[in-house]
Structure formats: structure tokens, C-alpha cells
Amino acid sequence: MTILVTGGAGYIGAHVVRALSRAGLEPVVLDDLSSGHREFVSDDIPFVDLSVVQTDRLAAALADHRVEAVIHLAGFKYAGVSVERPVHTYRENVVGTLSLLQAMERVGVDALVFSSSAAVYGTPDVATVTEQTDTRPQSPYGESKLVGEWMIRDQAVATGLRHTSLRYFNVVGSGEPDLYDSSPHNLFPLVIRALTQGHRPKIFGDDYPTPDGTCVRDYVHVADLAEAHVSAVRRLLEGRDLEPVYNLGSGDGVSVRQIMDAVARATGIDFEPEMMTRRPGDPARIVASGELAARDLDWKMRHTLDDMVASAWQARPAD
């Protein structure tokens, strides 16, 4: 079975590609390398250097490689930056998903796993988010992901497209020593970069109503996330019914202070984080239930917080 992975040269995408290969499936990577890394994709995996907004060439790639299903991870993923670059965000995420749907319909590919985001929830008013929690995105990025879900849903009604959307929160760690998160905005690479440069990592706010005063968030290991994508695409190809959306959450959560403590254990660096004032809009706690995904996608947390931190540190890029 041939699976096209858009954004397959990115941090998450490359893990998905390797998980597909281990599962005996045949991945094809499509990536324009705007944020991905060509070296993340081994030479024995077919690679198409292309943006998803190029519909005609995308359709040709689907046909040429006889693709049976798509895992769509390509997109502009920086929520904060999306506020400053909304048009760019909508082009990459909304127009990109529209282009993919057009190309898939043209050549008859009818199974799709969509990489959505917890950003569709905005700042929820519940302690534990479920798939029934109201969607109230607060950034163009979150809005673009929700619009993507809507387009996929409507295309399914019109054409019978088999699909599911996976909403996830904070993806961390590494499942391979040569795959790392190169985002300039995510917490783990920011902390690792600070330590390797001799700086103190920062904590924004220590007076929240949480056990240690710092924000509590949901963190999942990227290798666990990759396995969920493999499970989802397998079930679609087998003709099994799936929910339109799943949260890939831990059902629990860890605080920023707990992460800092785990970083100290993993690195052997004794440091005291620099305490900063709260950032506007940061909720005290956001954690997602993964019960539906556990039921249908064999979703589980196979890695501890220490595993997540240690693997991220071990895979950090050389200076």
C-alpha cells in the first residue's frame, strides 16, 4: 500500500514516514522543504520536491506513484507568527488542503488522514478537552486547521472520501537519533538551545492555580503520535469506520516546572530557570482526553516525560 505523506521531511512527518516503513507500508514523501529537512528522508524513500498548492503537479505525483491514501501534514504551523502572516497561513493551510482535495478527487484517491491541531479549541473553559469541546480558535493557524476539517468533511459528503482528523497538542521528543524538532518557537528546542548556548531557560509565570504555580500542558511523544497516524491510515484502507476527529492527548499533563526538572535530569546540567511574568492569554491548564483514540487507534502514551526529554536532548542538532 502506497501512502503519500505531505510534509514528510518535517519533524513529525519524518517520524510518520519511518513508522509507515516499519509497518510494511510504502511511503512517498512530498515536501517543498520550506521548513523540512531533506536529510530526514532516506534515499530509498521516493521524494517529491513540491508544494501542495501546485494542484496539477500534485495530481500527477499521486497518479505516478499509484498512491492509495494520503497523510496530510504539510502546512504553516506557527500559531503566534500566523497572527502576523495571516494571508500566508491561509494560503499554505487552507489553499493547500483545498488543492490536495482537488488532486485526490481528480485521480481517485479516497482516503485521508489530516494533521489538525489543538489550536482549533483556542483557550477552552474546561480542564480536560474532549472532541465535543467547543472549537474557538484564536489565531489564523487554528482557524486554518478548523477550515481544513470542514472542507474534508464536506468533500466526504460529496464524494465518499474516507477520512479522519487528528488533533494534537504539544509534540515533543525524538524516536530516532537523527530526527529533531527545529522549530524556533516550541518549548523543548527553546530550552535545549538556551542550555547549549549557556543561557537560563525561561518560565513565563509561576503564580498560576496549579500545584507548582506553572502552566500545565499536554505533551505527547512524537513516536507515539507517528504510530497513531499509521493506525489511522491502516483502518481507513481496511474500510473501518472512524470518527471524524480524534484528540491525541495524554489525559493528564505536566507543568513547565516539571519539564525543567526533567531537563536537568536528562542533561546533567544544574540550572535554575529564569522566572518571567505571565504571557497574556496563557491558560493555567489545558489537557486533552485521548479515550476515543485509545478505543479506535490503539493510542497510548508509551513514553514517560523523562523519555521525552532525554530523547530530545540526545537528538539535538550539533552546534
Protein backbone atom coordinates (compact mmCIF):
# COMPACT_ATOMS: atom_id res chain seq x y z
CA MET A 1 0.00 0.00 0.00
CA THR A 2 1.47 3.33 -1.08
CA ILE A 3 0.87 6.29 1.25
CA LEU A 4 1.72 9.88 0.31
CA VAL A 5 2.95 11.88 3.29
CA THR A 6 2.79 15.61 2.66
CA GLY A 7 5.30 17.43 4.84
CA GLY A 8 7.15 14.14 5.19
CA ALA A 9 10.54 15.84 5.57
CA GLY A 10 9.43 17.69 8.69
CA TYR A 11 9.91 16.74 12.33
CA ILE A 12 6.58 14.93 12.72
CA GLY A 13 6.33 13.87 9.09
CA ALA A 14 9.69 12.12 9.06
CA HIS A 15 8.70 10.09 12.11
CA VAL A 16 5.44 9.12 10.38
CA VAL A 17 7.34 8.06 7.26
CA ARG A 18 9.64 5.78 9.24
CA ALA A 19 6.72 4.32 11.19
CA LEU A 20 4.95 3.54 7.91
CA SER A 21 8.04 1.77 6.59
CA ARG A 22 8.37 -0.31 9.74
CA ALA A 23 4.72 -1.30 9.38
CA GLY A 24 5.33 -2.66 5.89
CA LEU A 25 3.60 0.21 4.09
CA GLU A 26 5.22 2.17 1.26
CA PRO A 27 5.55 5.90 1.99
CA VAL A 28 6.15 8.57 -0.63
CA VAL A 29 7.26 11.95 0.69
CA LEU A 30 6.06 15.26 -0.74
CA ASP A 31 7.67 18.36 0.75
CA ASP A 32 8.77 21.77 -0.53
CA LEU A 33 11.48 21.93 2.18
CA SER A 34 10.31 25.34 3.39
CA SER A 35 10.72 24.04 6.94
CA GLY A 36 11.55 20.37 6.39
CA HIS A 37 14.94 18.74 6.06
CA ARG A 38 15.87 16.63 3.04
CA GLU A 39 18.30 14.62 5.19
CA PHE A 40 15.37 13.43 7.33
CA VAL A 41 14.22 11.26 4.40
CA SER A 42 16.33 8.24 3.49
CA ASP A 43 17.40 7.80 -0.12
CA ASP A 44 15.29 4.67 -0.57
CA ILE A 45 12.04 6.61 0.01
CA PRO A 46 10.57 8.30 -3.10
CA PHE A 47 10.78 12.07 -2.63
CA VAL A 48 8.78 14.73 -4.49
CA ASP A 49 10.02 18.30 -4.06
CA LEU A 50 6.71 20.10 -4.41
CA SER A 51 4.26 22.39 -2.63
CA VAL A 52 0.74 21.13 -2.05
CA VAL A 53 -0.68 24.30 -3.61
CA GLN A 54 0.57 23.12 -7.04
CA THR A 55 -2.54 21.11 -7.86
CA ASP A 56 -1.69 19.80 -11.33
CA ARG A 57 1.75 18.55 -10.34
CA LEU A 58 0.33 17.14 -7.12
CA ALA A 59 -2.28 15.15 -9.03
CA ALA A 60 0.44 13.86 -11.34
CA ALA A 61 2.53 12.73 -8.35
CA LEU A 62 -0.45 10.89 -6.88
CA ALA A 63 -1.02 9.10 -10.16
CA ASP A 64 2.64 8.40 -10.92
CA HIS A 65 3.22 6.74 -7.55
CA ARG A 66 -0.16 4.95 -7.53
CA VAL A 67 -1.00 6.43 -4.15
CA GLU A 68 -3.82 4.76 -2.22
CA ALA A 69 -4.07 7.14 0.75
CA VAL A 70 -2.67 10.45 1.97
CA ILE A 71 -1.44 11.60 5.36
CA HIS A 72 -1.54 15.38 5.13
CA LEU A 73 0.93 17.08 7.47
CA ALA A 74 2.23 19.88 5.22
CA GLY A 75 1.40 23.36 6.40
CA PHE A 76 2.49 26.51 8.18
CA LYS A 77 2.43 25.53 11.84
CA TYR A 78 3.38 28.58 13.90
CA ALA A 79 0.29 29.90 15.66
CA GLY A 80 1.90 33.05 17.02
CA VAL A 81 3.50 34.00 13.71
CA SER A 82 0.23 33.33 11.90
CA VAL A 83 -1.22 36.44 13.57
CA GLU A 84 1.43 38.48 11.76
CA ARG A 85 1.17 36.49 8.50
CA PRO A 86 -2.49 35.50 8.11
CA VAL A 87 -2.55 35.53 4.30
CA HIS A 88 0.49 33.28 4.12
CA THR A 89 -1.05 30.95 6.71
CA TYR A 90 -4.33 30.64 4.83
CA ARG A 91 -2.53 30.03 1.54
CA GLU A 92 -0.38 27.24 2.93
CA ASN A 93 -3.04 25.60 5.08
CA VAL A 94 -6.43 26.32 3.55
CA VAL A 95 -5.49 26.65 -0.12
CA GLY A 96 -3.01 23.79 0.32
CA THR A 97 -5.68 21.46 1.71
CA LEU A 98 -8.14 22.53 -0.99
CA SER A 99 -5.52 21.80 -3.65
CA LEU A 100 -4.87 18.37 -2.16
CA LEU A 101 -8.58 17.52 -2.12
CA GLN A 102 -8.89 18.58 -5.75
CA ALA A 103 -5.89 16.48 -6.76
CA MET A 104 -7.13 13.44 -4.83
CA GLU A 105 -10.58 13.64 -6.40
CA ARG A 106 -9.08 14.02 -9.87
CA VAL A 107 -7.11 10.77 -9.65
CA GLY A 108 -9.46 8.80 -7.41
CA VAL A 109 -7.55 8.68 -4.10
CA ASP A 110 -10.24 8.39 -1.44
CA ALA A 111 -8.56 8.00 1.98
CA LEU A 112 -7.11 10.89 4.00
CA VAL A 113 -5.63 11.37 7.46
CA PHE A 114 -5.43 15.08 8.26
CA SER A 115 -2.99 16.63 10.71
CA SER A 116 -5.16 19.04 12.67
CA SER A 117 -4.32 20.82 15.91
CA ALA A 118 -5.43 21.59 19.43
CA ALA A 119 -5.32 25.21 18.25
CA VAL A 120 -8.87 24.69 16.96
CA TYR A 121 -10.03 24.85 20.62
CA GLY A 122 -8.43 28.20 21.39
CA THR A 123 -8.49 28.69 25.15
CA PRO A 124 -11.04 26.14 26.35
CA ASP A 125 -13.04 26.75 29.52
CA VAL A 126 -12.77 23.13 30.65
CA ALA A 127 -9.88 21.40 32.40
CA THR A 128 -9.91 18.37 30.10
CA VAL A 129 -10.64 18.79 26.41
CA THR A 130 -12.72 16.19 24.54
CA GLU A 131 -13.77 16.02 20.91
CA GLN A 132 -17.08 17.61 21.97
CA THR A 133 -15.41 20.71 23.44
CA ASP A 134 -16.38 23.86 21.55
CA THR A 135 -13.95 24.96 18.86
CA ARG A 136 -12.96 28.60 19.30
CA PRO A 137 -9.65 29.16 17.51
CA GLN A 138 -7.81 32.33 18.46
CA SER A 139 -5.24 32.51 15.68
CA PRO A 140 -5.25 32.27 11.90
CA TYR A 141 -3.37 29.00 12.32
CA GLY A 142 -6.13 27.48 14.46
CA GLU A 143 -8.78 28.85 12.11
CA SER A 144 -7.00 27.40 9.09
CA LYS A 145 -6.93 23.94 10.66
CA LEU A 146 -10.62 24.09 11.50
CA VAL A 147 -11.47 25.21 7.96
CA GLY A 148 -9.41 22.27 6.71
CA GLU A 149 -11.53 19.90 8.80
CA TRP A 150 -14.70 21.47 7.39
CA MET A 151 -13.53 21.13 3.80
CA ILE A 152 -12.62 17.48 4.32
CA ARG A 153 -15.98 16.80 5.98
CA ASP A 154 -17.90 18.40 3.11
CA GLN A 155 -15.82 16.59 0.49
CA ALA A 156 -16.63 13.32 2.24
CA VAL A 157 -20.35 14.04 1.96
CA ALA A 158 -19.99 14.84 -1.73
CA THR A 159 -17.60 12.07 -2.82
CA GLY A 160 -17.47 9.39 -0.13
CA LEU A 161 -13.94 10.36 0.94
CA ARG A 162 -12.82 8.23 3.88
CA HIS A 163 -11.10 10.43 6.41
CA THR A 164 -10.20 11.36 9.94
CA SER A 165 -8.53 14.40 11.51
CA LEU A 166 -6.07 14.07 14.37
CA ARG A 167 -5.91 16.97 16.80
CA TYR A 168 -2.80 17.09 18.92
CA PHE A 169 -1.25 19.39 21.44
CA ASN A 170 2.47 19.61 22.26
CA VAL A 171 4.53 17.08 20.30
CA VAL A 172 8.00 16.51 21.76
CA GLY A 173 10.92 14.13 21.92
CA SER A 174 12.50 12.03 19.22
CA GLY A 175 12.07 8.46 18.09
CA GLU A 176 15.25 8.48 16.00
CA PRO A 177 18.69 9.90 16.85
CA ASP A 178 18.83 11.90 13.61
CA LEU A 179 15.34 13.45 13.78
CA TYR A 180 14.87 16.59 15.86
CA ASP A 181 12.44 19.46 16.32
CA SER A 182 13.96 22.52 14.65
CA SER A 183 11.08 24.89 15.45
CA PRO A 184 12.18 28.31 16.69
CA HIS A 185 9.00 28.54 18.80
CA ASN A 186 8.44 25.21 20.59
CA LEU A 187 9.36 24.79 24.27
CA PHE A 188 11.73 21.83 24.05
CA PRO A 189 14.02 23.22 21.33
CA LEU A 190 13.96 26.62 23.04
CA VAL A 191 15.10 25.10 26.35
CA ILE A 192 17.75 22.94 24.68
CA ARG A 193 19.04 25.88 22.66
CA ALA A 194 19.27 28.05 25.77
CA LEU A 195 21.26 25.44 27.67
CA THR A 196 23.68 24.68 24.83
CA GLN A 197 24.33 28.41 24.48
CA GLY A 198 24.95 28.83 28.20
CA HIS A 199 21.71 30.66 28.98
CA ARG A 200 18.99 30.04 31.54
CA PRO A 201 15.70 28.74 30.13
CA LYS A 202 12.69 30.90 30.91
CA ILE A 203 9.42 30.13 32.67
CA PHE A 204 6.61 32.57 32.00
CA GLY A 205 4.59 32.80 35.19
CA ASP A 206 4.84 30.87 38.46
CA ASP A 207 1.65 32.10 40.11
CA TYR A 208 -0.97 30.03 38.30
CA PRO A 209 -3.53 27.95 40.27
CA THR A 210 -1.61 24.73 39.63
CA PRO A 211 0.33 22.50 42.05
CA ASP A 212 3.66 24.26 41.44
CA GLY A 213 2.36 27.57 40.08
CA THR A 214 3.46 27.00 36.47
CA CYS A 215 1.27 26.20 33.47
CA VAL A 216 0.20 22.60 32.90
CA ARG A 217 0.08 21.33 29.34
CA ASP A 218 -0.40 18.10 27.44
CA TYR A 219 2.81 16.68 25.96
CA VAL A 220 2.97 13.60 23.74
CA HIS A 221 5.99 11.79 22.33
CA VAL A 222 6.40 12.14 18.57
CA ALA A 223 6.96 8.39 18.12
CA ASP A 224 3.62 7.63 19.80
CA LEU A 225 1.99 10.21 17.57
CA ALA A 226 3.52 8.62 14.45
CA GLU A 227 2.10 5.21 15.38
CA ALA A 228 -1.37 6.74 15.67
CA HIS A 229 -1.11 8.03 12.09
CA VAL A 230 -0.15 4.56 10.88
CA SER A 231 -3.07 3.03 12.75
CA ALA A 232 -5.49 5.60 11.33
CA VAL A 233 -4.44 5.16 7.70
CA ARG A 234 -4.47 1.35 8.02
CA ARG A 235 -8.02 1.38 9.35
CA LEU A 236 -9.21 3.69 6.59
CA LEU A 237 -7.70 1.43 3.94
CA GLU A 238 -9.29 -1.61 5.60
CA GLY A 239 -12.69 0.09 5.29
CA ARG A 240 -13.26 0.53 9.01
CA ASP A 241 -15.35 3.41 10.29
CA LEU A 242 -13.51 6.13 12.17
CA GLU A 243 -14.65 9.24 13.97
CA PRO A 244 -14.23 12.48 12.01
CA VAL A 245 -11.83 13.83 14.66
CA TYR A 246 -9.67 12.44 17.45
CA ASN A 247 -7.71 14.14 20.19
CA LEU A 248 -4.28 12.63 20.69
CA GLY A 249 -3.85 13.62 24.31
CA SER A 250 -2.43 12.13 27.47
CA GLY A 251 -5.47 12.63 29.67
CA ASP A 252 -3.04 14.08 32.19
CA GLY A 253 -0.48 16.82 31.89
CA VAL A 254 2.81 18.14 33.17
CA SER A 255 3.85 21.56 34.33
CA VAL A 256 6.58 23.72 32.87
CA ARG A 257 8.48 23.36 36.15
CA GLN A 258 8.29 19.55 35.87
CA ILE A 259 9.70 19.80 32.36
CA MET A 260 12.60 21.91 33.60
CA ASP A 261 13.34 19.36 36.32
CA ALA A 262 13.28 16.56 33.74
CA VAL A 263 15.65 18.55 31.52
CA ALA A 264 18.10 18.90 34.41
CA ARG A 265 17.96 15.14 35.00
CA ALA A 266 18.46 14.29 31.32
CA THR A 267 21.27 16.74 30.66
CA GLY A 268 23.10 16.65 33.98
CA ILE A 269 23.08 20.46 33.90
CA ASP A 270 22.15 22.02 37.21
CA PHE A 271 20.27 25.21 36.40
CA GLU A 272 17.60 27.45 37.82
CA PRO A 273 15.13 28.74 35.21
CA GLU A 274 14.70 32.48 34.82
CA MET A 275 11.27 33.45 36.08
CA MET A 276 9.34 35.85 33.87
CA THR A 277 5.90 37.41 34.19
CA ARG A 278 2.90 35.68 32.68
CA ARG A 279 2.27 35.97 28.98
CA PRO A 280 -1.17 37.39 28.16
CA GLY A 281 -3.73 34.72 27.32
CA ASP A 282 -1.85 31.71 28.68
CA PRO A 283 -4.41 29.47 30.45
CA ALA A 284 -3.36 27.67 33.62
CA ARG A 285 -4.12 24.17 32.36
CA ILE A 286 -5.00 22.53 29.06
CA VAL A 287 -5.09 18.74 28.89
CA ALA A 288 -6.86 16.52 26.37
CA SER A 289 -8.58 13.19 26.76
CA GLY A 290 -7.32 10.50 24.39
CA GLU A 291 -10.08 7.97 25.18
CA LEU A 292 -11.62 7.85 21.70
CA ALA A 293 -8.23 7.44 20.05
CA ALA A 294 -7.32 4.71 22.53
CA ARG A 295 -10.52 2.88 21.58
CA ASP A 296 -10.10 3.15 17.80
CA LEU A 297 -6.42 3.86 17.01
CA ASP A 298 -4.51 1.92 19.66
CA TRP A 299 -3.43 5.30 21.01
CA LYS A 300 -1.39 5.15 24.19
CA MET A 301 1.38 7.02 25.95
CA ARG A 302 4.32 4.64 25.54
CA HIS A 303 6.90 7.19 26.73
CA THR A 304 7.34 8.97 30.06
CA LEU A 305 8.26 12.61 30.48
CA ASP A 306 11.86 11.59 31.14
CA ASP A 307 11.81 9.58 27.90
CA MET A 308 10.54 12.60 26.01
CA VAL A 309 13.17 14.95 27.38
CA ALA A 310 16.08 12.51 27.14
CA SER A 311 15.29 11.60 23.54
CA ALA A 312 15.01 15.27 22.54
CA TRP A 313 18.36 16.02 24.17
CA GLN A 314 20.08 13.04 22.54
CA ALA A 315 18.77 14.02 19.09
CA ARG A 316 19.67 17.71 19.38
CA PRO A 317 21.50 19.02 16.31
CA ALA A 318 25.19 19.73 16.53
CA ASP A 319 26.13 23.34 17.17
